[in-house]
Amino acid sequence: MVKLRLKRCGRKQRPVYRIVAIDVRSRREGRDLRKVGFYDPIKNQTYLNVPAILDFIKKGAQPTGTVHDILKKAGVFMELSLNQ
């Protein structure tokens, strides 16, 4: 099963997270299938590759709670409902 989840990057006390599609059995820093965005909680910036995210969700990928909140705030699920 594939999940959309956060992968921590950055230095000490300055986290930056990549939003990645990754196998459930992999650890947090494990090998990802594809990078689909990033999230900077300090600057409150988000970049999302929406077509790739929608493609993974249509194929059955499940976002984690935090990623779900980020996608919901960006309006990705509204685009998903419009496409269907």
PDB file of N, CA and C in Angstrom:
ATOM      1  N   MET A   1       0.841  -1.176   0.000  1.00  0.00           N
ATOM      2  CA  MET A   1       0.000   0.000   0.000  1.00  0.00           C
ATOM      3  C   MET A   1       0.889   1.243   0.000  1.00  0.00           C
ATOM      4  N   VAL A   2       0.456   2.252  -0.708  1.00  0.00           N
ATOM      5  CA  VAL A   2       1.217   3.499  -0.832  1.00  0.00           C
ATOM      6  C   VAL A   2       0.553   4.573   0.020  1.00  0.00           C
ATOM      7  N   LYS A   3       1.374   5.380   0.683  1.00  0.00           N
ATOM      8  CA  LYS A   3       0.885   6.504   1.475  1.00  0.00           C
ATOM      9  C   LYS A   3       1.553   7.776   1.019  1.00  0.00           C
ATOM     10  N   LEU A   4       0.853   8.873   1.165  1.00  0.00           N
ATOM     11  CA  LEU A   4       1.441  10.196   0.990  1.00  0.00           C
ATOM     12  C   LEU A   4       1.788  10.687   2.383  1.00  0.00           C
ATOM     13  N   ARG A   5       3.074  10.890   2.643  1.00  0.00           N
ATOM     14  CA  ARG A   5       3.464  11.319   3.980  1.00  0.00           C
ATOM     15  C   ARG A   5       4.660  12.255   3.934  1.00  0.00           C
ATOM     16  N   LEU A   6       5.011  12.792   5.092  1.00  0.00           N
ATOM     17  CA  LEU A   6       6.091  13.766   5.198  1.00  0.00           C
ATOM     18  C   LEU A   6       7.420  13.066   5.420  1.00  0.00           C
ATOM     19  N   LYS A   7       8.455  13.610   4.794  1.00  0.00           N
ATOM     20  CA  LYS A   7       9.816  13.127   4.959  1.00  0.00           C
ATOM     21  C   LYS A   7      10.642  14.320   5.426  1.00  0.00           C
ATOM     22  N   ARG A   8      11.256  14.223   6.590  1.00  0.00           N
ATOM     23  CA  ARG A   8      11.944  15.362   7.175  1.00  0.00           C
ATOM     24  C   ARG A   8      13.280  15.625   6.500  1.00  0.00           C
ATOM     25  N   CYS A   9      13.532  16.899   6.210  1.00  0.00           N
ATOM     26  CA  CYS A   9      14.798  17.369   5.660  1.00  0.00           C
ATOM     27  C   CYS A   9      15.193  18.607   6.462  1.00  0.00           C
ATOM     28  N   GLY A  10      16.250  19.253   6.064  1.00  0.00           N
ATOM     29  CA  GLY A  10      16.659  20.472   6.734  1.00  0.00           C
ATOM     30  C   GLY A  10      17.665  20.196   7.831  1.00  0.00           C
ATOM     31  N   ARG A  11      18.020  21.243   8.559  1.00  0.00           N
ATOM     32  CA  ARG A  11      19.019  21.103   9.617  1.00  0.00           C
ATOM     33  C   ARG A  11      18.356  21.098  10.982  1.00  0.00           C
ATOM     34  N   LYS A  12      19.166  21.080  12.027  1.00  0.00           N
ATOM     35  CA  LYS A  12      18.638  21.068  13.389  1.00  0.00           C
ATOM     36  C   LYS A  12      17.818  22.318  13.669  1.00  0.00           C
ATOM     37  N   GLN A  13      16.711  22.128  14.325  1.00  0.00           N
ATOM     38  CA  GLN A  13      15.803  23.205  14.714  1.00  0.00           C
ATOM     39  C   GLN A  13      15.199  23.967  13.523  1.00  0.00           C
ATOM     40  N   ARG A  14      15.425  23.544  12.302  1.00  0.00           N
ATOM     41  CA  ARG A  14      14.871  24.190  11.096  1.00  0.00           C
ATOM     42  C   ARG A  14      14.306  23.120  10.162  1.00  0.00           C
ATOM     43  N   PRO A  15      13.242  22.457  10.562  1.00  0.00           N
ATOM     44  CA  PRO A  15      12.736  21.372   9.725  1.00  0.00           C
ATOM     45  C   PRO A  15      12.068  21.878   8.451  1.00  0.00           C
ATOM     46  N   VAL A  16      12.265  21.139   7.393  1.00  0.00           N
ATOM     47  CA  VAL A  16      11.553  21.298   6.130  1.00  0.00           C
ATOM     48  C   VAL A  16      11.128  19.891   5.735  1.00  0.00           C
ATOM     49  N   TYR A  17       9.915  19.753   5.308  1.00  0.00           N
ATOM     50  CA  TYR A  17       9.393  18.433   4.997  1.00  0.00           C
ATOM     51  C   TYR A  17       9.099  18.304   3.517  1.00  0.00           C
ATOM     52  N   ARG A  18       9.456  17.160   2.948  1.00  0.00           N
ATOM     53  CA  ARG A  18       9.041  16.811   1.596  1.00  0.00           C
ATOM     54  C   ARG A  18       7.782  15.971   1.716  1.00  0.00           C
ATOM     55  N   ILE A  19       6.855  16.192   0.829  1.00  0.00           N
ATOM     56  CA  ILE A  19       5.667  15.349   0.755  1.00  0.00           C
ATOM     57  C   ILE A  19       5.973  14.304  -0.311  1.00  0.00           C
ATOM     58  N   VAL A  20       5.985  13.035   0.097  1.00  0.00           N
ATOM     59  CA  VAL A  20       6.404  11.967  -0.796  1.00  0.00           C
ATOM     60  C   VAL A  20       5.355  10.864  -0.834  1.00  0.00           C
ATOM     61  N   ALA A  21       5.348  10.141  -1.940  1.00  0.00           N
ATOM     62  CA  ALA A  21       4.584   8.900  -2.047  1.00  0.00           C
ATOM     63  C   ALA A  21       5.566   7.788  -1.710  1.00  0.00           C
ATOM     64  N   ILE A  22       5.217   6.981  -0.719  1.00  0.00           N
ATOM     65  CA  ILE A  22       6.157   5.983  -0.200  1.00  0.00           C
ATOM     66  C   ILE A  22       5.393   4.740   0.219  1.00  0.00           C
ATOM     67  N   ASP A  23       6.055   3.604   0.153  1.00  0.00           N
ATOM     68  CA  ASP A  23       5.454   2.346   0.584  1.00  0.00           C
ATOM     69  C   ASP A  23       5.267   2.381   2.101  1.00  0.00           C
ATOM     70  N   VAL A  24       4.200   1.797   2.583  1.00  0.00           N
ATOM     71  CA  VAL A  24       3.870   1.827   4.009  1.00  0.00           C
ATOM     72  C   VAL A  24       4.956   1.173   4.854  1.00  0.00           C
ATOM     73  N   ARG A  25       5.590   0.150   4.314  1.00  0.00           N
ATOM     74  CA  ARG A  25       6.567  -0.596   5.107  1.00  0.00           C
ATOM     75  C   ARG A  25       7.910   0.100   5.234  1.00  0.00           C
ATOM     76  N   SER A  26       8.119   1.189   4.480  1.00  0.00           N
ATOM     77  CA  SER A  26       9.381   1.919   4.550  1.00  0.00           C
ATOM     78  C   SER A  26       9.395   2.840   5.764  1.00  0.00           C
ATOM     79  N   ARG A  27      10.598   3.105   6.256  1.00  0.00           N
ATOM     80  CA  ARG A  27      10.718   4.031   7.379  1.00  0.00           C
ATOM     81  C   ARG A  27      10.577   5.466   6.877  1.00  0.00           C
ATOM     82  N   ARG A  28      10.576   6.425   7.809  1.00  0.00           N
ATOM     83  CA  ARG A  28      10.327   7.815   7.451  1.00  0.00           C
ATOM     84  C   ARG A  28      11.354   8.357   6.464  1.00  0.00           C
ATOM     85  N   GLU A  29      12.608   8.005   6.647  1.00  0.00           N
ATOM     86  CA  GLU A  29      13.667   8.496   5.766  1.00  0.00           C
ATOM     87  C   GLU A  29      13.989   7.505   4.654  1.00  0.00           C
ATOM     88  N   GLY A  30      13.112   6.540   4.429  1.00  0.00           N
ATOM     89  CA  GLY A  30      13.367   5.508   3.441  1.00  0.00           C
ATOM     90  C   GLY A  30      13.243   5.996   2.010  1.00  0.00           C
ATOM     91  N   ARG A  31      13.411   5.063   1.106  1.00  0.00           N
ATOM     92  CA  ARG A  31      13.359   5.387  -0.325  1.00  0.00           C
ATOM     93  C   ARG A  31      11.921   5.658  -0.747  1.00  0.00           C
ATOM     94  N   ASP A  32      11.705   6.812  -1.355  1.00  0.00           N
ATOM     95  CA  ASP A  32      10.353   7.171  -1.767  1.00  0.00           C
ATOM     96  C   ASP A  32      10.115   6.805  -3.228  1.00  0.00           C
ATOM     97  N   LEU A  33       8.848   6.691  -3.584  1.00  0.00           N
ATOM     98  CA  LEU A  33       8.481   6.406  -4.968  1.00  0.00           C
ATOM     99  C   LEU A  33       8.567   7.677  -5.813  1.00  0.00           C
ATOM    100  N   ARG A  34       8.090   8.787  -5.235  1.00  0.00           N
ATOM    101  CA  ARG A  34       8.116  10.059  -5.955  1.00  0.00           C
ATOM    102  C   ARG A  34       7.905  11.210  -4.980  1.00  0.00           C
ATOM    103  N   LYS A  35       8.601  12.304  -5.217  1.00  0.00           N
ATOM    104  CA  LYS A  35       8.405  13.529  -4.449  1.00  0.00           C
ATOM    105  C   LYS A  35       7.274  14.302  -5.099  1.00  0.00           C
ATOM    106  N   VAL A  36       6.276  14.681  -4.310  1.00  0.00           N
ATOM    107  CA  VAL A  36       5.118  15.368  -4.868  1.00  0.00           C
ATOM    108  C   VAL A  36       4.911  16.760  -4.270  1.00  0.00           C
ATOM    109  N   GLY A  37       5.842  17.224  -3.441  1.00  0.00           N
ATOM    110  CA  GLY A  37       5.710  18.569  -2.899  1.00  0.00           C
ATOM    111  C   GLY A  37       6.613  18.765  -1.700  1.00  0.00           C
ATOM    112  N   PHE A  38       6.544  19.975  -1.112  1.00  0.00           N
ATOM    113  CA  PHE A  38       7.258  20.216   0.123  1.00  0.00           C
ATOM    114  C   PHE A  38       6.454  21.162   1.003  1.00  0.00           C
ATOM    115  N   TYR A  39       6.799  21.163   2.303  1.00  0.00           N
ATOM    116  CA  TYR A  39       6.100  21.980   3.292  1.00  0.00           C
ATOM    117  C   TYR A  39       7.129  22.545   4.255  1.00  0.00           C
ATOM    118  N   ASP A  40       7.129  23.865   4.409  1.00  0.00           N
ATOM    119  CA  ASP A  40       8.017  24.549   5.346  1.00  0.00           C
ATOM    120  C   ASP A  40       7.151  25.136   6.454  1.00  0.00           C
ATOM    121  N   PRO A  41       7.139  24.526   7.651  1.00  0.00           N
ATOM    122  CA  PRO A  41       6.258  25.013   8.716  1.00  0.00           C
ATOM    123  C   PRO A  41       6.705  26.346   9.306  1.00  0.00           C
ATOM    124  N   ILE A  42       7.975  26.693   9.202  1.00  0.00           N
ATOM    125  CA  ILE A  42       8.461  27.938   9.786  1.00  0.00           C
ATOM    126  C   ILE A  42       8.024  29.134   8.943  1.00  0.00           C
ATOM    127  N   LYS A  43       8.218  29.042   7.622  1.00  0.00           N
ATOM    128  CA  LYS A  43       7.786  30.115   6.718  1.00  0.00           C
ATOM    129  C   LYS A  43       6.340  29.937   6.277  1.00  0.00           C
ATOM    130  N   ASN A  44       5.747  28.810   6.638  1.00  0.00           N
ATOM    131  CA  ASN A  44       4.375  28.457   6.267  1.00  0.00           C
ATOM    132  C   ASN A  44       4.200  28.478   4.746  1.00  0.00           C
ATOM    133  N   GLN A  45       5.141  27.857   4.042  1.00  0.00           N
ATOM    134  CA  GLN A  45       5.087  27.750   2.588  1.00  0.00           C
ATOM    135  C   GLN A  45       4.801  26.307   2.199  1.00  0.00           C
ATOM    136  N   THR A  46       4.050  26.157   1.142  1.00  0.00           N
ATOM    137  CA  THR A  46       3.732  24.830   0.628  1.00  0.00           C
ATOM    138  C   THR A  46       3.820  24.854  -0.885  1.00  0.00           C
ATOM    139  N   TYR A  47       4.437  23.826  -1.454  1.00  0.00           N
ATOM    140  CA  TYR A  47       4.431  23.627  -2.897  1.00  0.00           C
ATOM    141  C   TYR A  47       3.902  22.225  -3.150  1.00  0.00           C
ATOM    142  N   LEU A  48       2.920  22.109  -4.020  1.00  0.00           N
ATOM    143  CA  LEU A  48       2.317  20.813  -4.313  1.00  0.00           C
ATOM    144  C   LEU A  48       2.295  20.578  -5.817  1.00  0.00           C
ATOM    145  N   ASN A  49       2.662  19.369  -6.214  1.00  0.00           N
ATOM    146  CA  ASN A  49       2.515  18.936  -7.597  1.00  0.00           C
ATOM    147  C   ASN A  49       1.141  18.265  -7.673  1.00  0.00           C
ATOM    148  N   VAL A  50       0.123  19.076  -7.892  1.00  0.00           N
ATOM    149  CA  VAL A  50      -1.266  18.615  -7.790  1.00  0.00           C
ATOM    150  C   VAL A  50      -1.596  17.476  -8.748  1.00  0.00           C
ATOM    151  N   PRO A  51      -1.192  17.516 -10.034  1.00  0.00           N
ATOM    152  CA  PRO A  51      -1.518  16.381 -10.911  1.00  0.00           C
ATOM    153  C   PRO A  51      -0.937  15.057 -10.414  1.00  0.00           C
ATOM    154  N   ALA A  52       0.282  15.089  -9.885  1.00  0.00           N
ATOM    155  CA  ALA A  52       0.887  13.856  -9.370  1.00  0.00           C
ATOM    156  C   ALA A  52       0.157  13.372  -8.124  1.00  0.00           C
ATOM    157  N   ILE A  53      -0.245  14.299  -7.253  1.00  0.00           N
ATOM    158  CA  ILE A  53      -0.970  13.931  -6.037  1.00  0.00           C
ATOM    159  C   ILE A  53      -2.314  13.311  -6.394  1.00  0.00           C
ATOM    160  N   LEU A  54      -3.037  13.942  -7.324  1.00  0.00           N
ATOM    161  CA  LEU A  54      -4.336  13.402  -7.737  1.00  0.00           C
ATOM    162  C   LEU A  54      -4.194  12.029  -8.377  1.00  0.00           C
ATOM    163  N   ASP A  55      -3.121  11.834  -9.131  1.00  0.00           N
ATOM    164  CA  ASP A  55      -2.867  10.535  -9.762  1.00  0.00           C
ATOM    165  C   ASP A  55      -2.661   9.450  -8.707  1.00  0.00           C
ATOM    166  N   PHE A  56      -1.859   9.747  -7.676  1.00  0.00           N
ATOM    167  CA  PHE A  56      -1.626   8.757  -6.623  1.00  0.00           C
ATOM    168  C   PHE A  56      -2.900   8.480  -5.821  1.00  0.00           C
ATOM    169  N   ILE A  57      -3.686   9.519  -5.548  1.00  0.00           N
ATOM    170  CA  ILE A  57      -4.923   9.317  -4.784  1.00  0.00           C
ATOM    171  C   ILE A  57      -5.917   8.479  -5.592  1.00  0.00           C
ATOM    172  N   LYS A  58      -5.998   8.718  -6.902  1.00  0.00           N
ATOM    173  CA  LYS A  58      -6.898   7.916  -7.741  1.00  0.00           C
ATOM    174  C   LYS A  58      -6.476   6.457  -7.783  1.00  0.00           C
ATOM    175  N   LYS A  59      -5.163   6.212  -7.662  1.00  0.00           N
ATOM    176  CA  LYS A  59      -4.664   4.837  -7.663  1.00  0.00           C
ATOM    177  C   LYS A  59      -4.782   4.167  -6.297  1.00  0.00           C
ATOM    178  N   GLY A  60      -5.240   4.906  -5.274  1.00  0.00           N
ATOM    179  CA  GLY A  60      -5.494   4.302  -3.972  1.00  0.00           C
ATOM    180  C   GLY A  60      -4.541   4.699  -2.873  1.00  0.00           C
ATOM    181  N   ALA A  61      -3.682   5.668  -3.093  1.00  0.00           N
ATOM    182  CA  ALA A  61      -2.766   6.110  -2.040  1.00  0.00           C
ATOM    183  C   ALA A  61      -3.550   6.835  -0.952  1.00  0.00           C
ATOM    184  N   GLN A  62      -3.171   6.609   0.294  1.00  0.00           N
ATOM    185  CA  GLN A  62      -3.829   7.232   1.432  1.00  0.00           C
ATOM    186  C   GLN A  62      -2.914   8.280   2.048  1.00  0.00           C
ATOM    187  N   PRO A  63      -3.350   9.538   2.192  1.00  0.00           N
ATOM    188  CA  PRO A  63      -2.529  10.532   2.868  1.00  0.00           C
ATOM    189  C   PRO A  63      -2.597  10.354   4.380  1.00  0.00           C
ATOM    190  N   THR A  64      -1.498  10.672   5.068  1.00  0.00           N
ATOM    191  CA  THR A  64      -1.509  10.658   6.525  1.00  0.00           C
ATOM    192  C   THR A  64      -2.330  11.839   7.011  1.00  0.00           C
ATOM    193  N   GLY A  65      -2.549  11.923   8.303  1.00  0.00           N
ATOM    194  CA  GLY A  65      -3.374  12.991   8.853  1.00  0.00           C
ATOM    195  C   GLY A  65      -2.848  14.377   8.549  1.00  0.00           C
ATOM    196  N   THR A  66      -1.556  14.582   8.755  1.00  0.00           N
ATOM    197  CA  THR A  66      -0.956  15.889   8.520  1.00  0.00           C
ATOM    198  C   THR A  66      -0.980  16.250   7.043  1.00  0.00           C
ATOM    199  N   VAL A  67      -0.653  15.304   6.191  1.00  0.00           N
ATOM    200  CA  VAL A  67      -0.679  15.563   4.754  1.00  0.00           C
ATOM    201  C   VAL A  67      -2.111  15.821   4.297  1.00  0.00           C
ATOM    202  N   HIS A  68      -3.055  15.111   4.874  1.00  0.00           N
ATOM    203  CA  HIS A  68      -4.464  15.327   4.534  1.00  0.00           C
ATOM    204  C   HIS A  68      -4.858  16.764   4.858  1.00  0.00           C
ATOM    205  N   ASP A  69      -4.443  17.275   6.018  1.00  0.00           N
ATOM    206  CA  ASP A  69      -4.759  18.652   6.395  1.00  0.00           C
ATOM    207  C   ASP A  69      -4.119  19.655   5.439  1.00  0.00           C
ATOM    208  N   ILE A  70      -2.872  19.396   5.028  1.00  0.00           N
ATOM    209  CA  ILE A  70      -2.181  20.285   4.089  1.00  0.00           C
ATOM    210  C   ILE A  70      -2.907  20.297   2.741  1.00  0.00           C
ATOM    211  N   LEU A  71      -3.291  19.113   2.266  1.00  0.00           N
ATOM    212  CA  LEU A  71      -3.992  19.016   0.980  1.00  0.00           C
ATOM    213  C   LEU A  71      -5.370  19.658   1.051  1.00  0.00           C
ATOM    214  N   LYS A  72      -6.033  19.490   2.182  1.00  0.00           N
ATOM    215  CA  LYS A  72      -7.359  20.078   2.356  1.00  0.00           C
ATOM    216  C   LYS A  72      -7.280  21.602   2.350  1.00  0.00           C
ATOM    217  N   LYS A  73      -6.255  22.144   3.018  1.00  0.00           N
ATOM    218  CA  LYS A  73      -6.074  23.593   3.053  1.00  0.00           C
ATOM    219  C   LYS A  73      -5.771  24.142   1.663  1.00  0.00           C
ATOM    220  N   ALA A  74      -5.065  23.361   0.844  1.00  0.00           N
ATOM    221  CA  ALA A  74      -4.717  23.790  -0.512  1.00  0.00           C
ATOM    222  C   ALA A  74      -5.867  23.584  -1.505  1.00  0.00           C
ATOM    223  N   GLY A  75      -6.916  22.873  -1.112  1.00  0.00           N
ATOM    224  CA  GLY A  75      -8.063  22.676  -1.985  1.00  0.00           C
ATOM    225  C   GLY A  75      -7.896  21.552  -2.989  1.00  0.00           C
ATOM    226  N   VAL A  76      -7.031  20.598  -2.687  1.00  0.00           N
ATOM    227  CA  VAL A  76      -6.797  19.479  -3.623  1.00  0.00           C
ATOM    228  C   VAL A  76      -8.007  18.568  -3.714  1.00  0.00           C
ATOM    229  N   PHE A  77      -8.697  18.373  -2.598  1.00  0.00           N
ATOM    230  CA  PHE A  77      -9.843  17.469  -2.606  1.00  0.00           C
ATOM    231  C   PHE A  77     -11.032  18.068  -3.356  1.00  0.00           C
ATOM    232  N   MET A  78     -11.121  19.394  -3.402  1.00  0.00           N
ATOM    233  CA  MET A  78     -12.161  20.025  -4.206  1.00  0.00           C
ATOM    234  C   MET A  78     -11.901  19.777  -5.690  1.00  0.00           C
ATOM    235  N   GLU A  79     -10.630  19.823  -6.087  1.00  0.00           N
ATOM    236  CA  GLU A  79     -10.278  19.521  -7.488  1.00  0.00           C
ATOM    237  C   GLU A  79     -10.582  18.069  -7.810  1.00  0.00           C
ATOM    238  N   LEU A  80     -10.340  17.190  -6.851  1.00  0.00           N
ATOM    239  CA  LEU A  80     -10.612  15.764  -7.053  1.00  0.00           C
ATOM    240  C   LEU A  80     -12.104  15.548  -7.274  1.00  0.00           C
ATOM    241  N   SER A  81     -12.932  16.211  -6.494  1.00  0.00           N
ATOM    242  CA  SER A  81     -14.384  16.042  -6.660  1.00  0.00           C
ATOM    243  C   SER A  81     -14.867  16.661  -7.968  1.00  0.00           C
ATOM    244  N   LEU A  82     -14.227  17.758  -8.413  1.00  0.00           N
ATOM    245  CA  LEU A  82     -14.608  18.372  -9.680  1.00  0.00           C
ATOM    246  C   LEU A  82     -14.236  17.492 -10.864  1.00  0.00           C
ATOM    247  N   ASN A  83     -13.109  16.785 -10.760  1.00  0.00           N
ATOM    248  CA  ASN A  83     -12.669  15.921 -11.857  1.00  0.00           C
ATOM    249  C   ASN A  83     -13.544  14.683 -11.982  1.00  0.00           C
ATOM    250  N   GLN A  84     -14.158  14.250 -10.904  1.00  0.00           N
ATOM    251  CA  GLN A  84     -14.993  13.054 -10.951  1.00  0.00           C
ATOM    252  C   GLN A  84     -16.362  13.463 -11.382  1.00  0.00           C
TER     253      GLN A  84
END
